[in-house]
C-alpha atoms as a PDB file:
ATOM      1  CA  MET A   1     -38.758 -34.395  29.706  1.00  0.00           C
ATOM      2  CA  ASP A   2     -41.256 -37.000  28.549  1.00  0.00           C
ATOM      3  CA  PRO A   3     -39.456 -39.188  25.941  1.00  0.00           C
ATOM      4  CA  LYS A   4     -42.594 -39.126  23.761  1.00  0.00           C
ATOM      5  CA  LEU A   5     -42.576 -35.335  23.804  1.00  0.00           C
ATOM      6  CA  HIS A   6     -38.855 -35.235  23.007  1.00  0.00           C
ATOM      7  CA  ARG A   7     -39.291 -37.592  20.044  1.00  0.00           C
ATOM      8  CA  ALA A   8     -42.277 -35.614  18.750  1.00  0.00           C
ATOM      9  CA  ILE A   9     -40.258 -32.393  18.812  1.00  0.00           C
ATOM     10  CA  ILE A  10     -37.238 -33.870  17.022  1.00  0.00           C
ATOM     11  CA  LYS A  11     -39.450 -35.482  14.366  1.00  0.00           C
ATOM     12  CA  GLY A  12     -41.421 -32.280  13.849  1.00  0.00           C
ATOM     13  CA  ASP A  13     -44.676 -33.995  14.802  1.00  0.00           C
ATOM     14  CA  VAL A  14     -46.810 -30.983  15.723  1.00  0.00           C
ATOM     15  CA  ALA A  15     -49.999 -33.044  16.126  1.00  0.00           C
ATOM     16  CA  SER A  16     -48.433 -35.383  18.703  1.00  0.00           C
ATOM     17  CA  MET A  17     -46.951 -32.452  20.593  1.00  0.00           C
ATOM     18  CA  ARG A  18     -50.347 -30.721  20.736  1.00  0.00           C
ATOM     19  CA  ASP A  19     -51.993 -33.953  21.938  1.00  0.00           C
ATOM     20  CA  LEU A  20     -49.452 -34.296  24.744  1.00  0.00           C
ATOM     21  CA  ALA A  21     -49.927 -30.653  25.712  1.00  0.00           C
ATOM     22  CA  SER A  22     -53.726 -30.700  25.502  1.00  0.00           C
ATOM     23  CA  SER A  23     -54.334 -32.099  28.989  1.00  0.00           C
ATOM     24  CA  ASP A  24     -52.002 -29.789  30.887  1.00  0.00           C
ATOM     25  CA  SER A  25     -50.075 -27.597  28.532  1.00  0.00           C
ATOM     26  CA  ARG A  26     -48.377 -25.666  31.341  1.00  0.00           C
ATOM     27  CA  PHE A  27     -46.929 -28.862  32.860  1.00  0.00           C
ATOM     28  CA  VAL A  28     -45.799 -30.206  29.488  1.00  0.00           C
ATOM     29  CA  LEU A  29     -44.251 -26.975  28.271  1.00  0.00           C
ATOM     30  CA  LEU A  30     -42.208 -26.542  31.459  1.00  0.00           C
ATOM     31  CA  GLN A  31     -40.440 -29.883  31.052  1.00  0.00           C
ATOM     32  CA  VAL A  32     -36.704 -29.849  30.416  1.00  0.00           C
ATOM     33  CA  THR A  33     -34.086 -32.340  29.253  1.00  0.00           C
ATOM     34  CA  PRO A  34     -31.258 -33.548  31.551  1.00  0.00           C
ATOM     35  CA  GLN A  35     -29.177 -30.755  29.982  1.00  0.00           C
ATOM     36  CA  GLY A  36     -31.747 -28.181  31.073  1.00  0.00           C
ATOM     37  CA  ASP A  37     -33.180 -27.475  27.610  1.00  0.00           C
ATOM     38  CA  ASN A  38     -36.882 -26.735  27.389  1.00  0.00           C
ATOM     39  CA  ILE A  39     -38.860 -27.663  24.296  1.00  0.00           C
ATOM     40  CA  VAL A  40     -38.073 -24.407  22.511  1.00  0.00           C
ATOM     41  CA  HIS A  41     -34.361 -25.059  22.990  1.00  0.00           C
ATOM     42  CA  VAL A  42     -34.756 -28.571  21.576  1.00  0.00           C
ATOM     43  CA  ALA A  43     -36.636 -27.288  18.527  1.00  0.00           C
ATOM     44  CA  ALA A  44     -34.008 -24.596  17.959  1.00  0.00           C
ATOM     45  CA  LYS A  45     -31.074 -27.002  18.269  1.00  0.00           C
ATOM     46  CA  HIS A  46     -32.575 -29.530  15.866  1.00  0.00           C
ATOM     47  CA  ASP A  47     -33.846 -26.931  13.365  1.00  0.00           C
ATOM     48  CA  VAL A  48     -37.461 -28.070  13.617  1.00  0.00           C
ATOM     49  CA  LYS A  49     -39.171 -24.935  12.331  1.00  0.00           C
ATOM     50  CA  GLN A  50     -42.716 -26.274  12.364  1.00  0.00           C
ATOM     51  CA  ILE A  51     -42.425 -27.092  16.081  1.00  0.00           C
ATOM     52  CA  ALA A  52     -40.844 -23.746  16.922  1.00  0.00           C
ATOM     53  CA  ASP A  53     -43.529 -21.977  14.911  1.00  0.00           C
ATOM     54  CA  ALA A  54     -46.248 -23.809  16.825  1.00  0.00           C
ATOM     55  CA  LEU A  55     -44.617 -23.183  20.205  1.00  0.00           C
ATOM     56  CA  VAL A  56     -44.390 -19.425  19.842  1.00  0.00           C
ATOM     57  CA  GLN A  57     -48.151 -19.381  19.214  1.00  0.00           C
ATOM     58  CA  PHE A  58     -48.868 -20.832  22.678  1.00  0.00           C
ATOM     59  CA  PRO A  59     -49.720 -18.404  25.488  1.00  0.00           C
ATOM     60  CA  GLN A  60     -46.231 -17.538  26.617  1.00  0.00           C
ATOM     61  CA  SER A  61     -47.169 -17.452  30.299  1.00  0.00           C
ATOM     62  CA  ASN A  62     -47.405 -21.243  30.081  1.00  0.00           C
ATOM     63  CA  PHE A  63     -43.629 -21.409  29.714  1.00  0.00           C
ATOM     64  CA  CYS A  64     -42.767 -19.255  32.745  1.00  0.00           C
ATOM     65  CA  ILE A  65     -42.209 -20.661  36.193  1.00  0.00           C
ATOM     66  CA  LYS A  66     -42.411 -17.166  37.695  1.00  0.00           C
ATOM     67  CA  ARG A  67     -43.887 -14.042  36.251  1.00  0.00           C
ATOM     68  CA  THR A  68     -41.391 -11.243  35.789  1.00  0.00           C
ATOM     69  CA  GLN A  69     -41.377  -7.840  34.193  1.00  0.00           C
ATOM     70  CA  LYS A  70     -39.588  -9.291  31.177  1.00  0.00           C
ATOM     71  CA  ALA A  71     -41.399 -10.305  28.038  1.00  0.00           C
ATOM     72  CA  THR A  72     -42.885 -13.747  28.502  1.00  0.00           C
ATOM     73  CA  LEU A  73     -40.999 -15.187  25.557  1.00  0.00           C
ATOM     74  CA  HIS A  74     -37.799 -14.277  27.376  1.00  0.00           C
ATOM     75  CA  CYS A  75     -38.876 -16.523  30.234  1.00  0.00           C
ATOM     76  CA  THR A  76     -39.370 -19.276  27.717  1.00  0.00           C
ATOM     77  CA  LEU A  77     -35.833 -18.955  26.538  1.00  0.00           C
ATOM     78  CA  GLN A  78     -33.965 -18.465  29.792  1.00  0.00           C
ATOM     79  CA  GLN A  79     -34.414 -21.837  31.451  1.00  0.00           C
ATOM     80  CA  GLY A  80     -31.295 -23.434  29.946  1.00  0.00           C
ATOM     81  CA  TRP A  81     -28.340 -24.579  32.028  1.00  0.00           C
ATOM     82  CA  GLY A  82     -24.623 -24.462  31.181  1.00  0.00           C
ATOM     83  CA  ASN A  83     -23.946 -21.057  29.659  1.00  0.00           C
ATOM     84  CA  HIS A  84     -27.614 -20.125  30.104  1.00  0.00           C
ATOM     85  CA  ASP A  85     -28.047 -19.866  26.368  1.00  0.00           C
ATOM     86  CA  THR A  86     -31.424 -18.832  25.074  1.00  0.00           C
ATOM     87  CA  ALA A  87     -33.066 -20.762  22.262  1.00  0.00           C
ATOM     88  CA  LEU A  88     -31.940 -17.944  19.969  1.00  0.00           C
ATOM     89  CA  HIS A  89     -28.348 -18.579  21.054  1.00  0.00           C
ATOM     90  CA  ASP A  90     -28.806 -22.264  20.231  1.00  0.00           C
ATOM     91  CA  ALA A  91     -30.345 -21.542  16.835  1.00  0.00           C
ATOM     92  CA  VAL A  92     -27.546 -19.116  15.916  1.00  0.00           C
ATOM     93  CA  ARG A  93     -24.798 -21.434  17.164  1.00  0.00           C
ATOM     94  CA  ASN A  94     -26.153 -24.283  15.033  1.00  0.00           C
ATOM     95  CA  GLY A  95     -26.711 -22.101  11.964  1.00  0.00           C
ATOM     96  CA  HIS A  96     -30.491 -22.538  11.820  1.00  0.00           C
ATOM     97  CA  GLU A  97     -31.455 -19.434   9.876  1.00  0.00           C
ATOM     98  CA  GLU A  98     -35.219 -20.009   9.697  1.00  0.00           C
ATOM     99  CA  ILE A  99     -35.498 -20.520  13.459  1.00  0.00           C
ATOM    100  CA  VAL A 100     -33.484 -17.351  14.061  1.00  0.00           C
ATOM    101  CA  ASN A 101     -35.759 -15.321  11.794  1.00  0.00           C
ATOM    102  CA  LEU A 102     -38.833 -16.783  13.470  1.00  0.00           C
ATOM    103  CA  LEU A 103     -37.677 -15.926  16.990  1.00  0.00           C
ATOM    104  CA  ILE A 104     -36.458 -12.385  16.344  1.00  0.00           C
ATOM    105  CA  THR A 105     -39.584 -11.642  14.318  1.00  0.00           C
ATOM    106  CA  ARG A 106     -41.706 -12.684  17.296  1.00  0.00           C
ATOM    107  CA  ASP A 107     -39.611 -10.633  19.724  1.00  0.00           C
ATOM    108  CA  PRO A 108     -36.672  -8.542  18.431  1.00  0.00           C
ATOM    109  CA  LYS A 109     -35.492  -7.891  21.999  1.00  0.00           C
ATOM    110  CA  LEU A 110     -34.194 -11.450  22.100  1.00  0.00           C
ATOM    111  CA  ALA A 111     -31.186 -10.159  20.152  1.00  0.00           C
ATOM    112  CA  LEU A 112     -30.169  -8.136  23.239  1.00  0.00           C
ATOM    113  CA  LEU A 113     -30.014 -11.101  25.617  1.00  0.00           C
ATOM    114  CA  THR A 114     -26.587 -12.440  26.573  1.00  0.00           C
ATOM    115  CA  ASN A 115     -25.606 -15.695  28.228  1.00  0.00           C
ATOM    116  CA  ASN A 116     -23.542 -15.910  31.412  1.00  0.00           C
ATOM    117  CA  VAL A 117     -20.274 -15.400  29.504  1.00  0.00           C
ATOM    118  CA  GLY A 118     -21.554 -12.238  27.856  1.00  0.00           C
ATOM    119  CA  GLU A 119     -22.164 -13.702  24.404  1.00  0.00           C
ATOM    120  CA  SER A 120     -25.001 -12.192  22.413  1.00  0.00           C
ATOM    121  CA  PRO A 121     -26.564 -13.943  19.393  1.00  0.00           C
ATOM    122  CA  LEU A 122     -24.699 -11.509  17.119  1.00  0.00           C
ATOM    123  CA  PHE A 123     -21.416 -12.349  18.841  1.00  0.00           C
ATOM    124  CA  ILE A 124     -21.979 -16.077  18.281  1.00  0.00           C
ATOM    125  CA  ALA A 125     -22.897 -15.464  14.626  1.00  0.00           C
ATOM    126  CA  ALA A 126     -19.563 -13.687  14.150  1.00  0.00           C
ATOM    127  CA  ASP A 127     -17.688 -16.453  15.959  1.00  0.00           C
ATOM    128  CA  LYS A 128     -19.284 -19.198  13.852  1.00  0.00           C
ATOM    129  CA  ARG A 129     -19.077 -17.182  10.601  1.00  0.00           C
ATOM    130  CA  HIS A 130     -22.829 -17.430  10.012  1.00  0.00           C
ATOM    131  CA  ASP A 131     -23.014 -14.488   7.604  1.00  0.00           C
ATOM    132  CA  ARG A 132     -26.675 -14.857   6.645  1.00  0.00           C
ATOM    133  CA  ILE A 133     -27.752 -15.000  10.290  1.00  0.00           C
ATOM    134  CA  ALA A 134     -25.833 -11.915  11.419  1.00  0.00           C
ATOM    135  CA  LYS A 135     -27.624  -9.597   8.991  1.00  0.00           C
ATOM    136  CA  PRO A 136     -31.197  -9.965  10.373  1.00  0.00           C
ATOM    137  CA  ILE A 137     -29.842  -9.642  13.917  1.00  0.00           C
ATOM    138  CA  LEU A 138     -28.111  -6.394  12.967  1.00  0.00           C
ATOM    139  CA  ASN A 139     -31.308  -5.169  11.343  1.00  0.00           C
ATOM    140  CA  VAL A 140     -33.206  -5.187  14.655  1.00  0.00           C
ATOM    141  CA  ALA A 141     -30.694  -2.821  16.277  1.00  0.00           C
ATOM    142  CA  PRO A 142     -32.206   0.588  15.258  1.00  0.00           C
ATOM    143  CA  ASP A 143     -35.072   0.263  17.721  1.00  0.00           C
ATOM    144  CA  TYR A 144     -32.784   0.278  20.771  1.00  0.00           C
ATOM    145  CA  SER A 145     -30.545   2.719  22.577  1.00  0.00           C
ATOM    146  CA  ILE A 146     -26.806   2.902  21.960  1.00  0.00           C
ATOM    147  CA  GLU A 147     -26.268   1.231  25.336  1.00  0.00           C
ATOM    148  CA  ASP A 148     -28.505  -1.691  24.368  1.00  0.00           C
ATOM    149  CA  ARG A 149     -26.848  -2.049  20.965  1.00  0.00           C
ATOM    150  CA  ASN A 150     -23.408  -2.126  22.572  1.00  0.00           C
ATOM    151  CA  LYS A 151     -24.619  -4.752  25.028  1.00  0.00           C
ATOM    152  CA  MET A 152     -25.894  -6.830  22.130  1.00  0.00           C
ATOM    153  CA  ASN A 153     -22.469  -6.583  20.579  1.00  0.00           C
ATOM    154  CA  GLN A 154     -20.000  -7.085  23.477  1.00  0.00           C
ATOM    155  CA  ASP A 155     -18.894 -10.045  25.565  1.00  0.00           C
ATOM    156  CA  ASN A 156     -17.432 -10.122  29.073  1.00  0.00           C
ATOM    157  CA  GLU A 157     -13.977  -9.209  27.718  1.00  0.00           C
ATOM    158  CA  GLY A 158     -15.307  -6.137  25.955  1.00  0.00           C
ATOM    159  CA  ASN A 159     -14.937  -7.614  22.468  1.00  0.00           C
ATOM    160  CA  THR A 160     -17.642  -6.718  19.982  1.00  0.00           C
ATOM    161  CA  ALA A 161     -18.686  -8.961  17.115  1.00  0.00           C
ATOM    162  CA  LEU A 162     -16.510  -6.753  14.926  1.00  0.00           C
ATOM    163  CA  HIS A 163     -13.536  -7.294  17.255  1.00  0.00           C
ATOM    164  CA  LEU A 164     -14.086 -11.030  17.007  1.00  0.00           C
ATOM    165  CA  ALA A 165     -14.376 -10.994  13.220  1.00  0.00           C
ATOM    166  CA  VAL A 166     -11.022  -9.187  13.012  1.00  0.00           C
ATOM    167  CA  LEU A 167      -9.250 -11.243  15.683  1.00  0.00           C
ATOM    168  CA  ARG A 168     -10.283 -14.526  14.073  1.00  0.00           C
ATOM    169  CA  GLY A 169      -9.385 -13.285  10.595  1.00  0.00           C
ATOM    170  CA  HIS A 170     -13.014 -13.564   9.437  1.00  0.00           C
ATOM    171  CA  HIS A 171     -12.855 -10.690   6.961  1.00  0.00           C
ATOM    172  CA  GLY A 172     -15.990 -11.827   5.161  1.00  0.00           C
ATOM    173  CA  LYS A 173     -19.603 -10.707   4.968  1.00  0.00           C
ATOM    174  CA  ILE A 174     -20.003 -10.257   8.726  1.00  0.00           C
ATOM    175  CA  PHE A 175     -16.957  -7.993   8.829  1.00  0.00           C
ATOM    176  CA  LYS A 176     -18.247  -6.041   5.824  1.00  0.00           C
ATOM    177  CA  SER A 177     -21.757  -5.702   7.256  1.00  0.00           C
ATOM    178  CA  THR A 178     -20.599  -4.511  10.666  1.00  0.00           C
ATOM    179  CA  ILE A 179     -17.842  -2.182   9.449  1.00  0.00           C
ATOM    180  CA  GLU A 180     -20.286  -0.453   7.067  1.00  0.00           C
ATOM    181  CA  ASP A 181     -23.142  -0.262   9.586  1.00  0.00           C
ATOM    182  CA  VAL A 182     -23.282   3.252  11.070  1.00  0.00           C
ATOM    183  CA  ARG A 183     -25.096   1.865  14.112  1.00  0.00           C
ATOM    184  CA  VAL A 184     -22.044  -0.189  15.119  1.00  0.00           C
ATOM    185  CA  ASP A 185     -19.549   1.751  17.225  1.00  0.00           C
ATOM    186  CA  LYS A 186     -16.080   1.103  15.771  1.00  0.00           C
ATOM    187  CA  ALA A 187     -14.365   3.120  18.510  1.00  0.00           C
ATOM    188  CA  ILE A 188     -15.225   0.714  21.341  1.00  0.00           C
ATOM    189  CA  ALA A 189     -12.096  -0.654  23.040  1.00  0.00           C
ATOM    190  CA  ASN A 190     -12.056  -4.126  24.584  1.00  0.00           C
ATOM    191  CA  SER A 191     -10.710  -4.866  28.059  1.00  0.00           C
ATOM    192  CA  ALA A 192      -7.173  -4.934  26.615  1.00  0.00           C
ATOM    193  CA  GLY A 193      -7.651  -1.391  25.324  1.00  0.00           C
ATOM    194  CA  HIS A 194      -7.685  -2.382  21.647  1.00  0.00           C
ATOM    195  CA  THR A 195     -10.092  -0.859  19.157  1.00  0.00           C
ATOM    196  CA  VAL A 196     -10.977  -2.583  15.903  1.00  0.00           C
ATOM    197  CA  ILE A 197      -8.830  -0.148  13.917  1.00  0.00           C
ATOM    198  CA  GLY A 198      -5.895  -0.752  16.258  1.00  0.00           C
ATOM    199  CA  ILE A 199      -6.151  -4.515  15.813  1.00  0.00           C
ATOM    200  CA  LEU A 200      -6.332  -4.150  12.040  1.00  0.00           C
ATOM    201  CA  LEU A 201      -3.193  -2.006  11.988  1.00  0.00           C
ATOM    202  CA  MET A 202      -1.298  -4.452  14.207  1.00  0.00           C
ATOM    203  CA  GLN A 203      -2.324  -7.364  11.995  1.00  0.00           C
ATOM    204  CA  GLU A 204      -1.303  -5.478   8.851  1.00  0.00           C
ATOM    205  CA  GLN A 205       2.104  -4.702  10.319  1.00  0.00           C
ATOM    206  CA  ASN A 206       2.621  -8.332  11.327  1.00  0.00           C
ATOM    207  CA  ILE A 207       1.665  -9.542   7.843  1.00  0.00           C
ATOM    208  CA  ILE A 208       4.051  -7.122   6.139  1.00  0.00           C
ATOM    209  CA  PHE A 209       6.853  -8.011   8.559  1.00  0.00           C
ATOM    210  CA  LYS A 210       6.385 -11.735   7.882  1.00  0.00           C
ATOM    211  CA  TRP A 211       6.341 -11.143   4.125  1.00  0.00           C
ATOM    212  CA  CYS A 212       9.544  -9.106   4.333  1.00  0.00           C
ATOM    213  CA  ILE A 213      11.339 -11.695   6.444  1.00  0.00           C
ATOM    214  CA  THR A 214      10.217 -14.435   4.056  1.00  0.00           C
ATOM    215  CA  THR A 215      11.417 -12.407   1.084  1.00  0.00           C
ATOM    216  CA  PHE A 216      14.841 -11.780   2.599  1.00  0.00           C
ATOM    217  CA  VAL A 217      15.305 -15.441   3.496  1.00  0.00           C
ATOM    218  CA  ALA A 218      14.361 -16.472  -0.045  1.00  0.00           C
ATOM    219  CA  ILE A 219      16.737 -13.895  -1.536  1.00  0.00           C
ATOM    220  CA  TYR A 220      19.559 -15.135   0.666  1.00  0.00           C
ATOM    221  CA  GLU A 221      18.897 -18.701  -0.410  1.00  0.00           C
ATOM    222  CA  GLY A 222      18.779 -17.622  -4.065  1.00  0.00           C
ATOM    223  CA  LEU A 223      22.094 -15.794  -3.847  1.00  0.00           C
ATOM    224  CA  GLU A 224      23.641 -18.701  -1.995  1.00  0.00           C
ATOM    225  CA  THR A 225      22.449 -21.062  -4.729  1.00  0.00           C
ATOM    226  CA  GLY A 226      23.935 -18.796  -7.377  1.00  0.00           C
ATOM    227  CA  PHE A 227      27.386 -18.625  -5.808  1.00  0.00           C
ATOM    228  CA  ILE A 228      27.726 -22.206  -4.595  1.00  0.00           C
ATOM    229  CA  MET A 229      26.454 -23.925  -7.725  1.00  0.00           C
ATOM    230  CA  PRO A 230      28.340 -26.893  -9.237  1.00  0.00           C
ATOM    231  CA  GLY A 231      30.591 -26.617 -12.244  1.00  0.00           C
ATOM    232  CA  GLY A 232      33.758 -25.383 -10.526  1.00  0.00           C
ATOM    233  CA  TYR A 233      35.805 -22.266 -11.101  1.00  0.00           C
ATOM    234  CA  VAL A 234      38.132 -21.044 -13.829  1.00  0.00           C
ATOM    235  CA  GLY A 235      41.612 -21.995 -12.673  1.00  0.00           C
ATOM    236  CA  TYR A 236      43.730 -19.897 -14.997  1.00  0.00           C
ATOM    237  CA  GLY A 237      43.762 -16.838 -17.244  1.00  0.00           C
ATOM    238  CA  PRO A 238      42.170 -13.445 -16.708  1.00  0.00           C
ATOM    239  CA  ASN A 239      38.945 -15.098 -15.479  1.00  0.00           C
ATOM    240  CA  ALA A 240      40.653 -17.181 -12.805  1.00  0.00           C
ATOM    241  CA  GLY A 241      38.406 -17.659  -9.791  1.00  0.00           C
ATOM    242  CA  MET A 242      35.182 -16.952 -11.704  1.00  0.00           C
ATOM    243  CA  LEU A 243      32.375 -19.493 -11.777  1.00  0.00           C
ATOM    244  CA  ILE A 244      32.381 -21.501 -14.992  1.00  0.00           C
ATOM    245  CA  LEU A 245      28.572 -21.216 -15.115  1.00  0.00           C
ATOM    246  CA  SER A 246      28.604 -17.437 -14.667  1.00  0.00           C
ATOM    247  CA  HIS A 247      28.535 -16.973 -18.455  1.00  0.00           C
ATOM    248  CA  LYS A 248      25.304 -18.902 -18.849  1.00  0.00           C
ATOM    249  CA  PHE A 249      22.161 -16.926 -19.655  1.00  0.00           C
ATOM    250  CA  ALA A 250      20.212 -18.464 -16.750  1.00  0.00           C
ATOM    251  CA  PHE A 251      22.823 -17.203 -14.290  1.00  0.00           C
ATOM    252  CA  GLY A 252      22.295 -13.632 -15.488  1.00  0.00           C
ATOM    253  CA  VAL A 253      18.528 -14.019 -15.193  1.00  0.00           C
ATOM    254  CA  SER A 254      18.924 -15.354 -11.656  1.00  0.00           C
ATOM    255  CA  ALA A 255      21.205 -12.483 -10.622  1.00  0.00           C
ATOM    256  CA  ILE A 256      18.902  -9.787 -12.060  1.00  0.00           C
ATOM    257  CA  ALA A 257      15.815 -11.390 -10.492  1.00  0.00           C
ATOM    258  CA  ASN A 258      17.536 -11.496  -7.107  1.00  0.00           C
ATOM    259  CA  VAL A 259      18.426  -7.803  -7.359  1.00  0.00           C
ATOM    260  CA  LEU A 260      14.819  -6.894  -8.235  1.00  0.00           C
ATOM    261  CA  ALA A 261      13.396  -9.000  -5.411  1.00  0.00           C
ATOM    262  CA  PHE A 262      15.824  -7.430  -2.956  1.00  0.00           C
ATOM    263  CA  SER A 263      14.992  -3.915  -4.175  1.00  0.00           C
ATOM    264  CA  PHE A 264      11.216  -4.350  -3.918  1.00  0.00           C
ATOM    265  CA  SER A 265      11.401  -5.901  -0.460  1.00  0.00           C
ATOM    266  CA  ASN A 266      13.922  -3.323   0.762  1.00  0.00           C
ATOM    267  CA  VAL A 267      11.696  -0.399  -0.292  1.00  0.00           C
ATOM    268  CA  SER A 268       8.686  -2.172   1.231  1.00  0.00           C
ATOM    269  CA  MET A 269      10.430  -2.564   4.579  1.00  0.00           C
ATOM    270  CA  SER A 270      11.642   1.040   4.512  1.00  0.00           C
ATOM    271  CA  LEU A 271       8.070   2.260   3.973  1.00  0.00           C
ATOM    272  CA  HIS A 272       6.914  -0.080   6.702  1.00  0.00           C
ATOM    273  CA  PHE A 273       9.239   1.533   9.244  1.00  0.00           C
ATOM    274  CA  TYR A 274       8.303   4.983   7.947  1.00  0.00           C
ATOM    275  CA  ILE A 275       4.559   4.495   8.452  1.00  0.00           C
ATOM    276  CA  SER A 276       5.163   3.204  11.981  1.00  0.00           C
ATOM    277  CA  LEU A 277       6.012   6.826  12.857  1.00  0.00           C
ATOM    278  CA  LYS A 278       2.735   8.180  11.484  1.00  0.00           C
ATOM    279  CA  GLN A 279      -0.516   8.609  13.386  1.00  0.00           C
ATOM    280  CA  LYS A 280      -3.082   9.668  10.779  1.00  0.00           C
ATOM    281  CA  LEU A 281      -5.225   6.778   9.590  1.00  0.00           C
ATOM    282  CA  ASP A 282      -5.453   8.014   5.999  1.00  0.00           C
ATOM    283  CA  VAL A 283      -1.634   8.188   5.753  1.00  0.00           C
ATOM    284  CA  LEU A 284      -1.314   4.737   7.297  1.00  0.00           C
ATOM    285  CA  ALA A 285      -3.843   3.276   4.869  1.00  0.00           C
ATOM    286  CA  PHE A 286      -2.139   4.929   1.860  1.00  0.00           C
ATOM    287  CA  TYR A 287       1.358   3.643   2.609  1.00  0.00           C
ATOM    288  CA  THR A 288       0.128   0.256   3.832  1.00  0.00           C
ATOM    289  CA  ASN A 289      -1.350  -0.381   0.384  1.00  0.00           C
ATOM    290  CA  TYR A 290       1.998   0.442  -1.227  1.00  0.00           C
ATOM    291  CA  THR A 291       3.996  -1.785   1.118  1.00  0.00           C
ATOM    292  CA  THR A 292       1.647  -4.674   0.399  1.00  0.00           C
ATOM    293  CA  LEU A 293       1.950  -4.068  -3.354  1.00  0.00           C
ATOM    294  CA  LEU A 294       5.760  -3.931  -3.245  1.00  0.00           C
ATOM    295  CA  THR A 295       5.948  -7.108  -1.193  1.00  0.00           C
ATOM    296  CA  SER A 296       3.685  -8.819  -3.725  1.00  0.00           C
ATOM    297  CA  LEU A 297       5.877  -7.613  -6.600  1.00  0.00           C
ATOM    298  CA  ALA A 298       8.951  -9.029  -4.859  1.00  0.00           C
ATOM    299  CA  ILE A 299       7.450 -12.504  -5.131  1.00  0.00           C
ATOM    300  CA  ILE A 300       7.630 -12.476  -8.951  1.00  0.00           C
ATOM    301  CA  PRO A 301      11.418 -11.992  -9.321  1.00  0.00           C
ATOM    302  CA  MET A 302      11.900 -14.262  -6.312  1.00  0.00           C
ATOM    303  CA  ALA A 303      10.135 -17.040  -8.213  1.00  0.00           C
ATOM    304  CA  VAL A 304      12.193 -16.314 -11.346  1.00  0.00           C
ATOM    305  CA  ALA A 305      15.416 -16.371  -9.329  1.00  0.00           C
ATOM    306  CA  PHE A 306      14.458 -19.678  -7.770  1.00  0.00           C
ATOM    307  CA  ALA A 307      13.592 -21.241 -11.123  1.00  0.00           C
ATOM    308  CA  SER A 308      16.681 -20.000 -12.991  1.00  0.00           C
ATOM    309  CA  GLY A 309      19.064 -20.747 -10.119  1.00  0.00           C
ATOM    310  CA  SER A 310      17.653 -24.237  -9.733  1.00  0.00           C
ATOM    311  CA  TYR A 311      17.902 -24.797 -13.486  1.00  0.00           C
ATOM    312  CA  ILE A 312      21.630 -24.024 -13.464  1.00  0.00           C
ATOM    313  CA  SER A 313      22.560 -25.834 -10.278  1.00  0.00           C
ATOM    314  CA  LEU A 314      20.561 -28.932 -11.173  1.00  0.00           C
ATOM    315  CA  SER A 315      21.444 -29.036 -14.867  1.00  0.00           C
ATOM    316  CA  PHE A 316      23.631 -32.074 -14.295  1.00  0.00           C
ATOM    317  CA  THR A 317      20.621 -34.102 -13.114  1.00  0.00           C
ATOM    318  CA  PRO A 318      17.790 -33.212 -15.544  1.00  0.00           C
ATOM    319  CA  ALA A 319      15.159 -35.537 -14.080  1.00  0.00           C
ATOM    320  CA  PHE A 320      15.690 -34.250 -10.565  1.00  0.00           C
ATOM    321  CA  ALA A 321      15.789 -30.669 -11.830  1.00  0.00           C
ATOM    322  CA  LYS A 322      12.423 -31.037 -13.545  1.00  0.00           C
ATOM    323  CA  THR A 323      10.897 -32.456 -10.382  1.00  0.00           C
ATOM    324  CA  VAL A 324      12.197 -29.602  -8.230  1.00  0.00           C
ATOM    325  CA  LEU A 325      11.059 -26.973 -10.727  1.00  0.00           C
ATOM    326  CA  SER A 326       7.588 -28.452 -11.034  1.00  0.00           C
ATOM    327  CA  PHE A 327       7.105 -28.477  -7.267  1.00  0.00           C
ATOM    328  CA  GLY A 328       8.524 -24.983  -6.918  1.00  0.00           C
ATOM    329  CA  CYS A 329       6.357 -23.463  -9.631  1.00  0.00           C
ATOM    330  CA  SER A 330       3.276 -25.200  -8.239  1.00  0.00           C
ATOM    331  CA  ALA A 331       3.988 -23.739  -4.804  1.00  0.00           C
ATOM    332  CA  TYR A 332       4.263 -20.207  -6.175  1.00  0.00           C
ATOM    333  CA  ALA A 333       1.089 -20.667  -8.218  1.00  0.00           C
ATOM    334  CA  PHE A 334      -0.709 -21.762  -5.061  1.00  0.00           C
ATOM    335  CA  LEU A 335       0.595 -18.716  -3.159  1.00  0.00           C
ATOM    336  CA  TYR A 336      -0.687 -16.380  -5.856  1.00  0.00           C
ATOM    337  CA  TYR A 337      -4.064 -18.115  -5.812  1.00  0.00           C
ATOM    338  CA  LEU A 338      -4.318 -17.566  -2.043  1.00  0.00           C
ATOM    339  CA  TRP A 339      -3.195 -13.950  -2.364  1.00  0.00           C
ATOM    340  CA  PHE A 340      -5.558 -12.818  -5.089  1.00  0.00           C
ATOM    341  CA  TYR A 341      -8.577 -15.053  -4.473  1.00  0.00           C
END
């Protein structure tokens, strides 16, 4: 590609680009960079809307080396090397919303084109979490057949944009838009045989299992702290063998909190194993909400047990105890922030 032309495109200098193309626009518009990008690709990558806007006004046959039955703008956008990304792919990948809107407004069928690894523009938008870009791409889907819409939404491994949003944990606007869109087939299975609902259920089970394991480990540590705390044992009398600190109020709080945490987590795990035997989605969703709630409730007494147990066991070193408690409480506050927000 002529360096002057490349600089004019990057700078958004429409006048210079038109001057360079005035003598032989077909020759100029067919030039590519060493990476195989034509001028539309360059404009899309660098988010130069004024250049892209001017380019799509040119006679599109000027961009095509060979005439085909495809729309001429498709020829413009299929000269790239590498993954054979179109300019729309490049614009989506780089998050250039205005360029995306410009291209799909000119030719909505661009949303159906995939590169050589099966990635559609919608798929890339889901991968890059470009929420605002995915919506206009989804909006062009009604004009096409179910087969075309599925092609727009699946890669070579059979994953749809919705699969990708779930697999990557991107439960944001793209997930919400696609899951609520009646035109998106939620029953499509990828090459591994997993549907979106199946992946969601597996992820939910893994999350609950991790929470339960974490809760049990914390409870064990809390009980261990309670029964191996300093202060010694009563050596004589009817209370011989009892912990001297067992009569302290904080010890009682720690013991009760541990029992509550154990109870909540135990019921949660029991429900978890129960729902693994069920097949109906509404039953699974109902009990999954309860297991998540119970696991969340177990965190509260677990935090109380940690604080009260640490207070007793570290009462002989007040400065160190305050440091440990401050870090512990901050950690639990951070966990609750992540959970609820």
